[in-house]
Amino acid sequence: MDNFIFKVYYLSFAIVLAQTVAGGVLAVAAKNLIHCFLGMVVALIGVAGLYYHLGSPFIALMQVMIYVGAVCVAIAFGLSLTRKAGEEGLKPLSPMAVVPVVLPAGMLAATLKGLSHLEKTGMPRKLDESIIGWQLLGNYLFPFEIISVLLTLAVIGALSVALIRRREKNGNI
């Protein structure tokens, strides 16, 4: 039974890893800007799944709340307010487009080579994340709240600038 649990764990980890890689590839390879955005969302949700599988559900939840919930919503607002009808986001690829593919592939190969001599230890153990929570709600509460207010003001400012530009363009000043 224990062997079966390990197999299910490794299979589910491989599925989440494939989701993350597929979302990342879609985010950088799609011609349509909306498809790039959706690929980024899929990749970020996959990263949250990887955090969960590695024994850190708190970090996985923060990944979903901050990156998928806040950053992606802000990007969606930006896309909806700035895109023109029929506009496609990407230009034709140049020879320098190989660098963002080759560089991370080399880094991954070096990391895997360095880790290849380590033995497998099984499933990761659960981390005690209560320290992070106490620090966020204790010592770092004020900076945390200041950052949330700053992000809210940035979104409001971006919306107002986009609406002013849209009115100027339509002649409704």
Protein backbone atom coordinates (compact mmCIF):
# COMPACT_ATOMS: atom_id res chain seq x y z
CA MET A 1 0.00 0.00 0.00
CA ASP A 2 2.84 2.38 0.85
CA ASN A 3 4.37 1.83 -2.61
CA PHE A 4 1.02 2.68 -4.21
CA ILE A 5 0.87 6.00 -2.31
CA PHE A 6 4.35 6.94 -3.54
CA LYS A 7 3.36 6.12 -7.13
CA VAL A 8 0.21 8.26 -6.87
CA TYR A 9 2.23 11.08 -5.32
CA TYR A 10 4.87 11.00 -8.06
CA LEU A 11 2.21 10.75 -10.78
CA SER A 12 0.27 13.74 -9.41
CA PHE A 13 3.51 15.70 -9.05
CA ALA A 14 4.37 14.91 -12.68
CA ILE A 15 0.91 16.07 -13.81
CA VAL A 16 1.24 19.38 -11.94
CA LEU A 17 4.78 19.82 -13.30
CA ALA A 18 3.52 19.20 -16.84
CA GLN A 19 0.74 21.75 -16.26
CA THR A 20 3.30 24.33 -15.11
CA VAL A 21 5.58 23.74 -18.10
CA ALA A 22 2.67 23.74 -20.57
CA GLY A 23 1.32 27.00 -19.14
CA GLY A 24 4.78 28.57 -19.31
CA VAL A 25 5.25 27.50 -22.92
CA LEU A 26 1.80 28.85 -23.82
CA ALA A 27 2.60 32.11 -22.02
CA VAL A 28 5.70 32.76 -24.12
CA ALA A 29 4.75 31.13 -27.42
CA ALA A 30 1.14 32.14 -28.08
CA LYS A 31 0.50 34.80 -30.72
CA ASN A 32 -2.63 36.12 -29.06
CA LEU A 33 -2.07 38.26 -25.96
CA ILE A 34 -5.10 36.76 -24.19
CA HIS A 35 -3.71 33.25 -24.74
CA CYS A 36 -0.38 34.41 -23.29
CA PHE A 37 -2.23 35.68 -20.24
CA LEU A 38 -4.15 32.42 -19.83
CA GLY A 39 -0.90 30.47 -20.14
CA MET A 40 0.58 32.58 -17.36
CA VAL A 41 -2.43 31.87 -15.13
CA VAL A 42 -2.14 28.12 -15.79
CA ALA A 43 1.60 28.21 -15.04
CA LEU A 44 1.11 30.14 -11.79
CA ILE A 45 -1.58 27.72 -10.62
CA GLY A 46 0.82 24.88 -11.46
CA VAL A 47 3.54 26.52 -9.35
CA ALA A 48 1.06 26.67 -6.47
CA GLY A 49 0.44 22.95 -6.97
CA LEU A 50 4.18 22.30 -6.85
CA TYR A 51 4.44 24.20 -3.57
CA TYR A 52 1.60 22.09 -2.19
CA HIS A 53 3.25 18.85 -3.28
CA LEU A 54 6.51 19.94 -1.69
CA GLY A 55 4.84 20.22 1.71
CA SER A 56 3.97 23.90 1.92
CA PRO A 57 0.22 24.49 1.59
CA PHE A 58 0.50 28.00 3.08
CA ILE A 59 2.93 29.13 0.36
CA ALA A 60 0.68 27.47 -2.24
CA LEU A 61 -2.30 29.44 -0.94
CA MET A 62 -0.29 32.68 -0.98
CA GLN A 63 0.78 31.90 -4.56
CA VAL A 64 -2.85 31.59 -5.62
CA MET A 65 -4.05 34.63 -3.65
CA ILE A 66 -1.23 37.01 -4.58
CA TYR A 67 -0.17 36.03 -8.08
CA VAL A 68 -3.29 34.46 -9.55
CA GLY A 69 -5.75 36.52 -7.53
CA ALA A 70 -4.15 39.96 -7.48
CA VAL A 71 -1.45 40.22 -10.13
CA CYS A 72 -3.38 38.37 -12.82
CA VAL A 73 -6.52 40.40 -12.14
CA ALA A 74 -4.47 43.61 -12.46
CA ILE A 75 -2.99 42.36 -15.74
CA ALA A 76 -6.47 41.42 -16.97
CA PHE A 77 -7.66 44.96 -16.21
CA GLY A 78 -4.67 46.36 -18.06
CA LEU A 79 -5.32 44.15 -21.07
CA SER A 80 -8.99 45.00 -21.22
CA LEU A 81 -8.37 48.74 -20.95
CA THR A 82 -5.42 49.07 -23.32
CA ARG A 83 -6.01 46.60 -26.16
CA LYS A 84 -7.29 47.79 -29.48
CA ALA A 85 -9.78 45.72 -31.47
CA GLY A 86 -7.99 43.13 -33.60
CA GLU A 87 -4.58 43.81 -32.06
CA GLU A 88 -2.29 40.83 -31.71
CA GLY A 89 0.46 41.03 -29.16
CA LEU A 90 3.62 39.45 -30.57
CA LYS A 91 6.06 40.37 -33.32
CA PRO A 92 7.93 37.82 -35.47
CA LEU A 93 10.74 36.03 -33.65
CA SER A 94 14.33 37.21 -34.03
CA PRO A 95 17.49 35.09 -33.69
CA MET A 96 17.89 36.42 -30.12
CA ALA A 97 14.66 34.62 -29.18
CA VAL A 98 16.77 31.47 -28.68
CA VAL A 99 18.48 32.95 -25.59
CA PRO A 100 15.43 32.73 -23.24
CA VAL A 101 15.10 29.05 -24.19
CA VAL A 102 18.75 27.99 -24.09
CA LEU A 103 19.74 29.83 -20.90
CA PRO A 104 17.10 28.26 -18.58
CA ALA A 105 17.64 24.86 -20.23
CA GLY A 106 21.35 25.08 -19.41
CA MET A 107 20.59 26.16 -15.85
CA LEU A 108 18.15 23.25 -15.46
CA ALA A 109 20.72 20.80 -16.82
CA ALA A 110 23.37 22.09 -14.39
CA THR A 111 20.94 21.87 -11.47
CA LEU A 112 19.86 18.33 -12.35
CA LYS A 113 23.49 17.26 -12.76
CA GLY A 114 24.30 18.68 -9.33
CA LEU A 115 21.32 16.92 -7.76
CA SER A 116 21.81 13.60 -9.56
CA HIS A 117 24.07 12.09 -6.90
CA LEU A 118 21.53 12.66 -4.10
CA GLU A 119 19.34 9.78 -3.02
CA LYS A 120 15.56 9.96 -2.93
CA THR A 121 14.11 10.46 0.52
CA GLY A 122 10.45 9.90 -0.24
CA MET A 123 7.65 12.39 0.22
CA PRO A 124 8.57 15.79 1.69
CA ARG A 125 7.72 16.41 5.31
CA LYS A 126 5.25 19.04 6.43
CA LEU A 127 6.77 22.39 7.34
CA ASP A 128 5.69 24.45 10.33
CA GLU A 129 4.30 27.56 8.65
CA SER A 130 2.76 29.05 11.76
CA ILE A 131 5.90 31.15 12.25
CA ILE A 132 5.25 32.90 8.92
CA GLY A 133 1.67 33.64 9.91
CA TRP A 134 2.64 35.04 13.30
CA GLN A 135 5.31 37.23 11.70
CA LEU A 136 2.88 38.54 9.04
CA LEU A 137 0.22 39.32 11.64
CA GLY A 138 2.71 40.63 14.20
CA ASN A 139 5.96 42.31 13.21
CA TYR A 140 5.14 42.80 9.53
CA LEU A 141 1.46 43.74 9.71
CA PHE A 142 1.98 47.45 9.07
CA PRO A 143 4.27 47.01 6.00
CA PHE A 144 1.92 44.31 4.69
CA GLU A 145 -1.06 46.69 4.93
CA ILE A 146 0.92 49.59 3.39
CA ILE A 147 1.78 47.39 0.41
CA SER A 148 -1.88 46.41 -0.04
CA VAL A 149 -2.95 50.08 0.04
CA LEU A 150 -0.19 50.95 -2.43
CA LEU A 151 -1.29 48.21 -4.83
CA THR A 152 -4.92 49.35 -4.56
CA LEU A 153 -3.91 52.94 -5.33
CA ALA A 154 -1.84 51.75 -8.30
CA VAL A 155 -4.82 49.89 -9.76
CA ILE A 156 -7.11 52.90 -9.21
CA GLY A 157 -4.52 55.19 -10.83
CA ALA A 158 -4.14 52.88 -13.82
CA LEU A 159 -7.91 52.72 -14.27
CA SER A 160 -8.28 56.49 -14.10
CA VAL A 161 -5.43 57.10 -16.59
CA ALA A 162 -6.93 54.54 -19.00
CA LEU A 163 -10.39 56.09 -18.71
CA ILE A 164 -9.03 59.62 -19.26
CA ARG A 165 -7.14 58.48 -22.38
CA ARG A 166 -10.20 56.67 -23.67
CA ARG A 167 -12.33 59.82 -23.23
CA GLU A 168 -9.71 61.99 -24.93
CA LYS A 169 -9.54 59.57 -27.85
CA ASN A 170 -13.31 59.53 -28.24
CA GLY A 171 -13.54 63.33 -27.89
CA ASN A 172 -15.68 63.20 -24.74
CA ILE A 173 -13.60 65.54 -22.57
